[in-house]
Amino acid sequence: MEAVAPTAPDLARRVRAGERRRRLAAFGLTLPLCAFLLVFFVLPILGMLRLAVSNTEMAETLPRSTEAFRTWEGGGVPPPDIVDLFARELAEAHRARSLARFATRLNYEEAGLRSLVLNTGRRLARAQPPFSLDDLAAIDPSWRDPGVWAAIRRAAQPWTDLYVLAALDLQHDAEGRIVRVPPERAIYLDILGRTFRIAAVVTLACLVIGYPLAYTLAHLPERHAHLLMIGVLLPFWTSLLVRTAAWIVILQREGPLNELLQWLGLIDRPLELVFHRPAVYIAMTHVLLPFMVLPIYSVMRTIHPSYVRAALSLGATPWTAFRRVYLPLSLPGVSAGCLLVFILALGYYITPALVGGATDQMISWFIAFYTLQTVNWGMAAALGSILLLATLALYLLFARVVGIERLRLA
């Protein structure tokens, strides 16, 4: 029997079925990676963003008062029934030893409210209800201040902008308006600016050192290039903590660097390098230099020497041939290296914490401080979210100006 040729609709159906099978197979191969990214990357970021605006302390400690304050429109002091309910729950929470968390949360709104709440709860626990505003004011006159009740009302809401505003050196005033914090408390914008300045300087230093090094690697004979590449990759074989500690030894007043500079007659007395900004620049540049060299080197390896030779044969000088031909062809690697180093530098913690001084700490140090020492997860999440959004904004600007499609990492 003769084989019957498939009709056009049958052929199209088979092609579509084959494409579906191919896409399903590709999806199955990438599914473990997608699951890994979802569990260990996307969900933690979403959790951090949620913590930055979450406001559950009062609801967990004083649930009935929370509902009452959410229905109160604000302004002045609350009605007597809300005051009585709030006072009763304060006394109950003190007896249950659960008042400290809410008191600490309220202290973020205004300094001094923690001691006010704890002292009032302790006194009310020994008194008999019902309670009035006069009873609270007899314990502390601050309870007649509408600002205190406005802070409690804000703490009762399910979501808060307190931490995000604080990370931007902003706050709510007594009328609920967003205003700048006093100058002596405005620190976080300066810290964020310092973080970006340090990351930019380290990126520039890595580029200045890394571009000639990558050029040399790309044009050396293969045997010599391998030896030099081992030197570039050597920092990856050493613990980051060990490398940072080594820089403390090298840069201290009695360290090898100061002794060498004095022996050469370049300085009269030892320089104060460690625990200052220069130490941060030097140590971070050393750690991040391979992340600049490798992308540039990978692109330079693909640039054929005939391009430059053709420019020279047409009368261009070596500098003109490099500037007009070689440099533009290597820019995708430069862009990838700069972006990689800059983003890594933004989140650095160990190196600035060990070799830098008090005025050299980056925003990651403060995120760790709020996470590990004060256990203020909301503030830590807000600072992390601000850093994340600022980094994304710079990335989008970079993509618009340079073009992500031009980046080449290998």
Protein backbone atom coordinates (compact mmCIF):
# COMPACT_ATOMS: atom_id res chain seq x y z
CA MET A 1 0.00 0.00 0.00
CA GLU A 2 1.15 3.48 -0.73
CA ALA A 3 1.76 5.79 2.23
CA VAL A 4 -0.75 8.57 2.43
CA ALA A 5 0.89 11.97 2.69
CA PRO A 6 -0.36 13.97 5.65
CA THR A 7 -2.61 16.87 4.86
CA ALA A 8 -1.63 20.42 5.72
CA PRO A 9 -3.86 20.59 8.85
CA ASP A 10 -2.45 17.26 10.11
CA LEU A 11 1.09 18.46 9.54
CA ALA A 12 0.42 21.72 11.37
CA ARG A 13 -1.14 19.80 14.26
CA ARG A 14 1.90 17.52 14.52
CA VAL A 15 4.25 20.51 14.47
CA ARG A 16 2.29 22.21 17.27
CA ALA A 17 2.29 18.99 19.32
CA GLY A 18 6.04 18.68 18.84
CA GLU A 19 6.53 22.30 19.94
CA ARG A 20 4.42 21.71 23.04
CA ARG A 21 6.47 18.65 23.97
CA ARG A 22 9.68 20.62 23.45
CA ARG A 23 8.47 23.48 25.63
CA LEU A 24 7.32 21.09 28.35
CA ALA A 25 10.69 19.35 28.31
CA ALA A 26 12.48 22.69 28.55
CA PHE A 27 10.21 23.76 31.40
CA GLY A 28 10.88 20.47 33.22
CA LEU A 29 14.62 21.04 32.95
CA THR A 30 14.36 24.57 34.35
CA LEU A 31 11.79 23.71 37.02
CA PRO A 32 14.38 22.90 39.77
CA LEU A 33 16.11 26.25 39.16
CA CYS A 34 12.80 28.11 39.19
CA ALA A 35 11.79 26.40 42.44
CA PHE A 36 15.16 27.22 44.00
CA LEU A 37 14.87 30.90 43.01
CA LEU A 38 11.31 31.07 44.27
CA VAL A 39 12.07 29.56 47.69
CA PHE A 40 15.46 31.12 48.39
CA PHE A 41 15.26 34.41 46.49
CA VAL A 42 11.77 35.65 45.65
CA LEU A 43 9.99 34.62 48.87
CA PRO A 44 12.67 36.08 51.21
CA ILE A 45 12.55 39.38 49.31
CA LEU A 46 8.75 39.46 49.54
CA GLY A 47 9.02 38.64 53.25
CA MET A 48 11.47 41.51 53.72
CA LEU A 49 9.14 43.92 51.91
CA ARG A 50 6.26 42.75 54.10
CA LEU A 51 8.22 43.21 57.31
CA ALA A 52 9.05 46.78 56.28
CA VAL A 53 5.36 47.75 56.47
CA SER A 54 3.95 45.12 58.86
CA ASN A 55 2.37 46.42 62.08
CA THR A 56 1.22 43.50 64.25
CA GLU A 57 2.66 44.21 67.71
CA MET A 58 -0.36 46.03 69.14
CA ALA A 59 -2.85 43.66 67.51
CA GLU A 60 -1.12 40.68 69.14
CA THR A 61 -0.81 42.35 72.55
CA LEU A 62 -4.02 44.42 72.81
CA PRO A 63 -6.43 42.90 70.25
CA ARG A 64 -9.66 44.54 71.49
CA SER A 65 -8.06 47.97 71.84
CA THR A 66 -6.59 47.60 68.37
CA GLU A 67 -10.05 47.15 66.86
CA ALA A 68 -11.38 50.10 68.85
CA PHE A 69 -8.55 52.43 67.77
CA ARG A 70 -9.06 51.46 64.14
CA THR A 71 -12.63 52.74 64.32
CA TRP A 72 -11.61 55.96 66.06
CA GLU A 73 -11.23 58.87 63.64
CA GLY A 74 -8.42 60.46 65.64
CA GLY A 75 -7.85 64.00 66.82
CA GLY A 76 -7.50 64.92 70.49
CA VAL A 77 -7.97 62.10 72.97
CA PRO A 78 -10.15 59.04 72.36
CA PRO A 79 -13.67 58.60 73.87
CA PRO A 80 -13.94 57.36 77.47
CA ASP A 81 -14.96 53.85 76.43
CA ILE A 82 -11.81 53.41 74.32
CA VAL A 83 -9.67 54.83 77.12
CA ASP A 84 -11.21 52.38 79.60
CA LEU A 85 -10.77 49.41 77.24
CA PHE A 86 -7.18 50.39 76.51
CA ALA A 87 -6.35 50.73 80.22
CA ARG A 88 -7.95 47.38 81.06
CA GLU A 89 -5.92 45.61 78.37
CA LEU A 90 -2.77 47.37 79.50
CA ALA A 91 -3.27 45.92 82.98
CA GLU A 92 -4.05 42.44 81.58
CA ALA A 93 -0.98 42.51 79.31
CA HIS A 94 1.24 43.53 82.24
CA ARG A 95 -0.05 40.64 84.33
CA ALA A 96 0.53 38.30 81.37
CA ARG A 97 4.06 39.72 80.93
CA SER A 98 3.38 40.47 77.25
CA LEU A 99 3.41 44.27 77.33
CA ALA A 100 7.09 44.84 76.51
CA ARG A 101 6.76 44.10 72.78
CA PHE A 102 3.99 46.64 72.27
CA ALA A 103 5.81 49.18 74.44
CA THR A 104 8.97 48.77 72.35
CA ARG A 105 6.98 49.19 69.14
CA LEU A 106 5.40 52.38 70.48
CA ASN A 107 8.82 53.71 71.39
CA TYR A 108 9.71 53.66 67.68
CA GLU A 109 6.97 56.26 67.18
CA GLU A 110 8.28 58.56 69.90
CA ALA A 111 11.13 58.13 72.37
CA GLY A 112 9.95 57.72 75.96
CA LEU A 113 6.66 55.96 75.22
CA ARG A 114 8.06 52.57 76.20
CA SER A 115 8.66 53.61 79.80
CA LEU A 116 5.31 55.43 79.84
CA VAL A 117 3.40 52.30 78.76
CA LEU A 118 5.30 49.91 81.04
CA ASN A 119 4.96 52.15 84.08
CA THR A 120 1.26 52.74 83.42
CA GLY A 121 0.58 49.03 82.91
CA ARG A 122 2.32 48.19 86.18
CA ARG A 123 0.30 50.77 88.11
CA LEU A 124 -3.01 49.80 86.49
CA ALA A 125 -2.44 46.12 87.28
CA ARG A 126 -2.81 47.01 90.98
CA ALA A 127 -5.91 49.18 90.46
CA GLN A 128 -9.57 48.34 89.91
CA PRO A 129 -11.51 49.23 86.72
CA PRO A 130 -13.24 51.15 85.28
CA PHE A 131 -10.50 53.56 84.24
CA SER A 132 -10.72 57.11 82.92
CA LEU A 133 -8.34 59.58 81.34
CA ASP A 134 -7.95 61.21 84.77
CA ASP A 135 -6.74 57.88 86.18
CA LEU A 136 -4.10 57.62 83.45
CA ALA A 137 -3.09 61.26 83.86
CA ALA A 138 -2.70 60.71 87.61
CA ILE A 139 -0.06 58.11 86.76
CA ASP A 140 1.63 60.29 84.12
CA PRO A 141 0.41 63.66 82.74
CA SER A 142 1.67 62.66 79.28
CA TRP A 143 -1.59 60.77 78.75
CA ARG A 144 -3.33 64.11 78.18
CA ASP A 145 -1.07 64.75 75.17
CA PRO A 146 -2.98 64.10 71.91
CA GLY A 147 0.31 63.14 70.27
CA VAL A 148 0.56 60.06 72.49
CA TRP A 149 -2.87 58.87 71.43
CA ALA A 150 -2.10 59.64 67.79
CA ALA A 151 0.98 57.41 68.06
CA ILE A 152 -1.12 54.60 69.57
CA ARG A 153 -3.68 54.97 66.80
CA ARG A 154 -0.93 54.64 64.17
CA ALA A 155 0.41 51.56 65.98
CA ALA A 156 -3.07 50.00 65.79
CA GLN A 157 -3.21 50.06 61.98
CA PRO A 158 -2.44 46.76 60.17
CA TRP A 159 0.21 48.42 58.01
CA THR A 160 2.61 51.24 58.80
CA ASP A 161 4.93 53.56 56.93
CA LEU A 162 6.91 54.26 60.12
CA TYR A 163 9.99 52.23 59.23
CA VAL A 164 10.13 53.31 55.59
CA LEU A 165 9.79 56.97 56.58
CA ALA A 166 12.48 56.56 59.25
CA ALA A 167 14.81 55.01 56.67
CA LEU A 168 14.32 58.19 54.61
CA ASP A 169 14.80 60.49 57.63
CA LEU A 170 11.09 61.34 57.74
CA GLN A 171 8.43 61.04 60.43
CA HIS A 172 4.84 61.91 61.30
CA ASP A 173 4.22 65.01 63.39
CA ALA A 174 1.44 65.37 65.96
CA GLU A 175 -1.08 66.22 63.20
CA GLY A 176 -0.08 63.18 61.14
CA ARG A 177 1.80 65.13 58.47
CA ILE A 178 5.04 63.73 57.06
CA VAL A 179 7.95 65.99 58.04
CA ARG A 180 11.72 65.69 58.21
CA VAL A 181 13.29 64.46 61.42
CA PRO A 182 15.46 66.90 63.40
CA PRO A 183 18.94 67.34 61.89
CA GLU A 184 20.62 65.51 64.78
CA ARG A 185 18.56 62.39 63.97
CA ALA A 186 18.88 62.54 60.16
CA ILE A 187 21.45 59.82 59.48
CA TYR A 188 20.06 57.26 57.05
CA LEU A 189 20.17 59.30 53.84
CA ASP A 190 23.79 60.14 54.63
CA ILE A 191 24.49 56.44 55.18
CA LEU A 192 22.80 55.53 51.90
CA GLY A 193 24.80 58.21 50.08
CA ARG A 194 28.00 56.97 51.75
CA THR A 195 27.20 53.42 50.63
CA PHE A 196 26.81 54.48 47.00
CA ARG A 197 29.94 56.66 47.12
CA ILE A 198 32.08 53.82 48.48
CA ALA A 199 30.63 51.39 45.92
CA ALA A 200 31.30 53.87 43.09
CA VAL A 201 34.91 54.52 44.17
CA VAL A 202 35.61 50.78 44.52
CA THR A 203 34.07 50.14 41.09
CA LEU A 204 36.23 52.85 39.51
CA ALA A 205 39.36 51.52 41.24
CA CYS A 206 38.59 47.97 40.05
CA LEU A 207 38.10 49.27 36.50
CA VAL A 208 41.36 51.24 36.48
CA ILE A 209 43.31 48.23 37.75
CA GLY A 210 41.30 45.50 36.06
CA TYR A 211 41.13 46.78 32.47
CA PRO A 212 44.91 46.79 31.85
CA LEU A 213 45.18 43.46 33.66
CA ALA A 214 42.47 41.90 31.49
CA TYR A 215 44.12 43.37 28.37
CA THR A 216 47.42 41.79 29.37
CA LEU A 217 45.73 38.46 30.04
CA ALA A 218 44.02 38.49 26.66
CA HIS A 219 47.25 39.16 24.73
CA LEU A 220 49.77 37.02 26.63
CA PRO A 221 50.77 33.59 25.33
CA GLU A 222 48.44 30.97 26.72
CA ARG A 223 51.04 29.44 29.05
CA HIS A 224 51.82 32.79 30.69
CA ALA A 225 48.17 33.84 30.71
CA HIS A 226 47.25 30.76 32.74
CA LEU A 227 49.80 31.66 35.41
CA LEU A 228 48.53 35.22 35.62
CA MET A 229 44.93 34.00 35.74
CA ILE A 230 45.82 31.88 38.76
CA GLY A 231 47.00 35.07 40.45
CA VAL A 232 43.70 36.77 39.61
CA LEU A 233 41.66 33.88 40.97
CA LEU A 234 43.84 33.37 44.05
CA PRO A 235 41.60 35.56 46.30
CA PHE A 236 38.72 33.13 45.65
CA TRP A 237 40.76 30.40 47.35
CA THR A 238 41.06 32.36 50.58
CA SER A 239 38.34 33.13 53.11
CA LEU A 240 36.98 36.67 52.94
CA LEU A 241 37.50 37.02 56.68
CA VAL A 242 41.14 35.95 56.37
CA ARG A 243 41.77 38.41 53.51
CA THR A 244 40.23 41.26 55.47
CA ALA A 245 42.23 40.40 58.60
CA ALA A 246 45.38 40.33 56.49
CA TRP A 247 44.70 43.89 55.32
CA ILE A 248 44.40 45.00 58.95
CA VAL A 249 47.92 43.67 59.54
CA ILE A 250 49.31 45.23 56.33
CA LEU A 251 47.74 48.66 56.81
CA GLN A 252 48.30 49.21 60.54
CA ARG A 253 50.74 51.88 61.75
CA GLU A 254 53.53 49.34 62.31
CA GLY A 255 52.55 47.27 59.29
CA PRO A 256 54.60 46.40 56.18
CA LEU A 257 53.08 49.15 54.02
CA ASN A 258 53.97 51.98 56.39
CA GLU A 259 57.44 50.52 56.91
CA LEU A 260 57.99 50.33 53.15
CA LEU A 261 56.83 53.92 52.60
CA GLN A 262 59.13 55.15 55.38
CA TRP A 263 62.06 53.13 54.02
CA LEU A 264 61.53 54.72 50.60
CA GLY A 265 61.44 58.14 52.23
CA LEU A 266 57.94 58.94 50.98
CA ILE A 267 56.56 59.64 54.46
CA ASP A 268 58.08 60.88 57.72
CA ARG A 269 55.72 59.14 60.11
CA PRO A 270 53.27 56.23 59.77
CA LEU A 271 49.96 56.94 58.07
CA GLU A 272 46.63 56.20 59.74
CA LEU A 273 45.26 53.81 57.13
CA VAL A 274 43.43 51.05 58.96
CA PHE A 275 40.04 51.90 60.49
CA HIS A 276 39.73 54.76 58.01
CA ARG A 277 38.15 55.14 54.56
CA PRO A 278 41.33 54.33 52.54
CA ALA A 279 41.46 50.89 54.17
CA VAL A 280 37.89 50.23 53.08
CA TYR A 281 38.70 51.21 49.49
CA ILE A 282 41.86 49.09 49.38
CA ALA A 283 40.40 45.96 50.95
CA MET A 284 37.15 46.03 48.95
CA THR A 285 39.03 46.66 45.69
CA HIS A 286 41.25 43.66 46.38
CA VAL A 287 38.27 41.43 47.10
CA LEU A 288 36.14 42.54 44.13
CA LEU A 289 38.85 42.93 41.48
CA PRO A 290 38.34 39.42 39.98
CA PHE A 291 34.68 40.26 39.32
CA MET A 292 35.87 43.13 37.11
CA VAL A 293 38.71 41.29 35.38
CA LEU A 294 36.85 38.15 34.34
CA PRO A 295 33.97 39.76 32.34
CA ILE A 296 36.37 42.14 30.57
CA TYR A 297 38.81 39.33 29.82
CA SER A 298 36.07 37.09 28.42
CA VAL A 299 35.06 39.83 25.94
CA MET A 300 38.62 40.76 25.00
CA ARG A 301 39.32 37.15 24.09
CA THR A 302 36.69 37.39 21.36
CA ILE A 303 38.14 40.55 19.76
CA HIS A 304 40.15 39.42 16.74
CA PRO A 305 43.58 41.09 16.40
CA SER A 306 42.92 41.74 12.72
CA TYR A 307 40.48 44.54 13.65
CA VAL A 308 43.23 46.65 15.21
CA ARG A 309 45.72 45.69 12.50
CA ALA A 310 43.25 46.85 9.86
CA ALA A 311 42.91 50.22 11.59
CA LEU A 312 46.71 50.57 11.78
CA SER A 313 47.08 49.66 8.09
CA LEU A 314 44.63 52.44 7.22
CA GLY A 315 46.82 55.03 8.91
CA ALA A 316 45.48 55.16 12.45
CA THR A 317 47.90 55.62 15.32
CA PRO A 318 48.02 52.88 17.99
CA TRP A 319 46.10 55.14 20.41
CA THR A 320 43.46 55.97 17.78
CA ALA A 321 43.08 52.29 16.86
CA PHE A 322 42.63 51.41 20.51
CA ARG A 323 40.20 54.25 21.20
CA ARG A 324 38.09 53.90 18.05
CA VAL A 325 38.17 50.12 17.53
CA TYR A 326 39.32 48.08 20.53
CA LEU A 327 37.77 50.05 23.37
CA PRO A 328 34.19 50.10 21.92
CA LEU A 329 34.39 46.37 21.28
CA SER A 330 35.41 45.74 24.90
CA LEU A 331 32.68 47.95 26.42
CA PRO A 332 30.18 45.08 26.94
CA GLY A 333 32.67 43.44 29.29
CA VAL A 334 33.39 46.75 31.00
CA SER A 335 29.67 47.34 31.51
CA ALA A 336 29.14 43.85 32.92
CA GLY A 337 32.12 44.14 35.25
CA CYS A 338 31.12 47.58 36.53
CA LEU A 339 27.55 46.50 37.15
CA LEU A 340 28.64 43.31 38.91
CA VAL A 341 31.23 45.01 41.14
CA PHE A 342 28.96 47.94 41.99
CA ILE A 343 26.03 45.75 43.04
CA LEU A 344 28.29 43.46 45.09
CA ALA A 345 29.94 46.46 46.76
CA LEU A 346 26.60 47.93 47.80
CA GLY A 347 25.87 45.01 50.09
CA TYR A 348 29.31 44.58 51.63
CA TYR A 349 29.36 44.13 55.38
CA ILE A 350 32.38 42.25 56.76
CA THR A 351 35.15 44.25 55.09
CA PRO A 352 33.95 47.77 56.03
CA ALA A 353 32.99 46.54 59.51
CA LEU A 354 36.51 45.23 60.20
CA VAL A 355 38.83 47.70 58.43
CA GLY A 356 36.66 50.83 58.49
CA GLY A 357 35.96 53.31 61.25
CA ALA A 358 32.68 54.48 62.73
CA THR A 359 32.08 56.89 59.83
CA ASP A 360 32.90 54.28 57.18
CA GLN A 361 30.12 51.78 57.87
CA MET A 362 27.78 51.07 54.99
CA ILE A 363 24.06 50.47 55.13
CA SER A 364 24.53 46.71 55.45
CA TRP A 365 26.14 47.27 58.87
CA PHE A 366 23.01 49.03 60.11
CA ILE A 367 20.78 46.32 58.68
CA ALA A 368 22.80 43.76 60.64
CA PHE A 369 22.67 45.99 63.73
CA TYR A 370 18.87 46.19 63.71
CA THR A 371 18.56 42.49 62.93
CA LEU A 372 21.01 41.05 65.47
CA GLN A 373 21.32 43.58 68.28
CA THR A 374 18.12 45.61 68.65
CA VAL A 375 15.94 42.93 66.97
CA ASN A 376 14.05 45.67 65.13
CA TRP A 377 13.06 43.62 62.11
CA GLY A 378 10.87 46.36 60.68
CA MET A 379 13.69 48.90 60.53
CA ALA A 380 16.13 46.34 59.14
CA ALA A 381 13.61 45.35 56.46
CA ALA A 382 12.92 49.01 55.59
CA LEU A 383 16.63 49.77 55.14
CA GLY A 384 17.02 46.62 53.06
CA SER A 385 14.01 47.56 50.94
CA ILE A 386 15.33 51.08 50.36
CA LEU A 387 18.68 49.63 49.27
CA LEU A 388 16.92 47.12 47.01
CA LEU A 389 14.75 49.78 45.35
CA ALA A 390 17.70 52.15 44.91
CA THR A 391 19.73 49.35 43.33
CA LEU A 392 16.85 48.44 41.00
CA ALA A 393 16.46 52.09 39.98
CA LEU A 394 20.16 52.32 39.11
CA TYR A 395 19.95 49.02 37.25
CA LEU A 396 17.02 50.27 35.17
CA LEU A 397 18.87 53.51 34.47
CA PHE A 398 21.92 51.50 33.45
CA ALA A 399 19.76 49.31 31.20
CA ARG A 400 18.24 52.37 29.54
CA VAL A 401 21.54 54.18 28.98
CA VAL A 402 23.90 51.28 28.20
CA GLY A 403 21.54 48.47 27.24
CA ILE A 404 21.44 45.13 29.03
CA GLU A 405 21.63 43.31 25.70
CA ARG A 406 25.22 44.55 25.37
CA LEU A 407 26.38 42.91 28.60
CA ARG A 408 28.56 39.86 28.20
CA LEU A 409 29.78 37.82 31.16
CA ALA A 410 31.39 35.03 29.13
